[in-house]
Amino acid sequence: MAATLVRPRRGKMFAGVCAALADRFEVPRVFVRLGFMFFGLFGVGVVAYLALWIIIPEGD
């Protein structure tokens, strides 16, 4: 079963949004980061990242 959706304190590059999503859906973090970079080219990734940074709680 997948982990809950929380931003980790370790193993993150910036705010931990990509790490949280990767851990939750059990995919490599690099794929999630590449996805945000791709969608960032269209402006959608930046807005989604900022929204998720606010919504996803930080883990212990």
C-alpha atoms as a PDB file:
ATOM      1  CA  MET A   1       0.000   0.000   0.000  1.00  0.00           C
ATOM      2  CA  ALA A   2       1.256   3.481  -0.826  1.00  0.00           C
ATOM      3  CA  ALA A   3       2.342   5.976   1.780  1.00  0.00           C
ATOM      4  CA  THR A   4       0.234   8.931   2.807  1.00  0.00           C
ATOM      5  CA  LEU A   5       0.716  12.220   0.992  1.00  0.00           C
ATOM      6  CA  VAL A   6       3.162  14.274   3.088  1.00  0.00           C
ATOM      7  CA  ARG A   7       6.221  16.274   2.103  1.00  0.00           C
ATOM      8  CA  PRO A   8       9.346  14.538   3.444  1.00  0.00           C
ATOM      9  CA  ARG A   9      11.957  16.437   5.422  1.00  0.00           C
ATOM     10  CA  ARG A  10      14.762  14.425   3.781  1.00  0.00           C
ATOM     11  CA  GLY A  11      15.363  13.499   0.153  1.00  0.00           C
ATOM     12  CA  LYS A  12      13.731  16.603  -1.234  1.00  0.00           C
ATOM     13  CA  MET A  13      15.257  19.082  -3.635  1.00  0.00           C
ATOM     14  CA  PHE A  14      13.164  22.188  -3.030  1.00  0.00           C
ATOM     15  CA  ALA A  15       9.862  21.958  -1.178  1.00  0.00           C
ATOM     16  CA  GLY A  16       9.340  18.186  -1.341  1.00  0.00           C
ATOM     17  CA  VAL A  17       6.250  18.195  -3.555  1.00  0.00           C
ATOM     18  CA  CYS A  18       7.718  15.872  -6.185  1.00  0.00           C
ATOM     19  CA  ALA A  19       9.128  13.569  -3.514  1.00  0.00           C
ATOM     20  CA  ALA A  20       5.736  13.395  -1.793  1.00  0.00           C
ATOM     21  CA  LEU A  21       3.915  12.545  -5.024  1.00  0.00           C
ATOM     22  CA  ALA A  22       6.542   9.976  -6.030  1.00  0.00           C
ATOM     23  CA  ASP A  23       6.398   8.279  -2.632  1.00  0.00           C
ATOM     24  CA  ARG A  24       2.593   8.261  -2.627  1.00  0.00           C
ATOM     25  CA  PHE A  25       2.255   6.734  -6.091  1.00  0.00           C
ATOM     26  CA  GLU A  26       5.363   4.544  -5.786  1.00  0.00           C
ATOM     27  CA  VAL A  27       7.183   5.868  -8.851  1.00  0.00           C
ATOM     28  CA  PRO A  28      10.781   7.102  -9.104  1.00  0.00           C
ATOM     29  CA  ARG A  29      11.185  10.710  -8.005  1.00  0.00           C
ATOM     30  CA  VAL A  30      13.043  11.592 -11.183  1.00  0.00           C
ATOM     31  CA  PHE A  31       9.926  10.850 -13.289  1.00  0.00           C
ATOM     32  CA  VAL A  32       7.767  13.177 -11.223  1.00  0.00           C
ATOM     33  CA  ARG A  33      10.423  15.894 -11.350  1.00  0.00           C
ATOM     34  CA  LEU A  34      10.724  15.549 -15.120  1.00  0.00           C
ATOM     35  CA  GLY A  35       6.944  15.760 -15.425  1.00  0.00           C
ATOM     36  CA  PHE A  36       6.861  19.028 -13.498  1.00  0.00           C
ATOM     37  CA  MET A  37       9.714  20.385 -15.623  1.00  0.00           C
ATOM     38  CA  PHE A  38       7.845  19.440 -18.816  1.00  0.00           C
ATOM     39  CA  PHE A  39       4.572  20.998 -17.676  1.00  0.00           C
ATOM     40  CA  GLY A  40       6.516  23.973 -16.357  1.00  0.00           C
ATOM     41  CA  LEU A  41       7.323  24.861 -19.945  1.00  0.00           C
ATOM     42  CA  PHE A  42       3.613  25.546 -20.449  1.00  0.00           C
ATOM     43  CA  GLY A  43       3.173  27.431 -17.160  1.00  0.00           C
ATOM     44  CA  VAL A  44       0.936  24.769 -15.671  1.00  0.00           C
ATOM     45  CA  GLY A  45       3.669  23.015 -13.703  1.00  0.00           C
ATOM     46  CA  VAL A  46       4.649  26.107 -11.745  1.00  0.00           C
ATOM     47  CA  VAL A  47       1.085  26.866 -10.663  1.00  0.00           C
ATOM     48  CA  ALA A  48       0.411  23.227  -9.768  1.00  0.00           C
ATOM     49  CA  TYR A  49       3.681  22.969  -7.821  1.00  0.00           C
ATOM     50  CA  LEU A  50       2.929  26.091  -5.790  1.00  0.00           C
ATOM     51  CA  ALA A  51      -0.611  24.934  -5.054  1.00  0.00           C
ATOM     52  CA  LEU A  52       0.573  21.499  -3.943  1.00  0.00           C
ATOM     53  CA  TRP A  53       3.301  23.087  -1.807  1.00  0.00           C
ATOM     54  CA  ILE A  54       0.567  24.892   0.125  1.00  0.00           C
ATOM     55  CA  ILE A  55      -1.871  21.936   0.250  1.00  0.00           C
ATOM     56  CA  ILE A  56       0.423  18.979   1.106  1.00  0.00           C
ATOM     57  CA  PRO A  57       1.424  18.939   4.793  1.00  0.00           C
ATOM     58  CA  GLU A  58       5.040  18.482   5.825  1.00  0.00           C
ATOM     59  CA  GLY A  59       5.901  15.113   7.361  1.00  0.00           C
ATOM     60  CA  ASP A  60       7.514  14.427  10.709  1.00  0.00           C
END
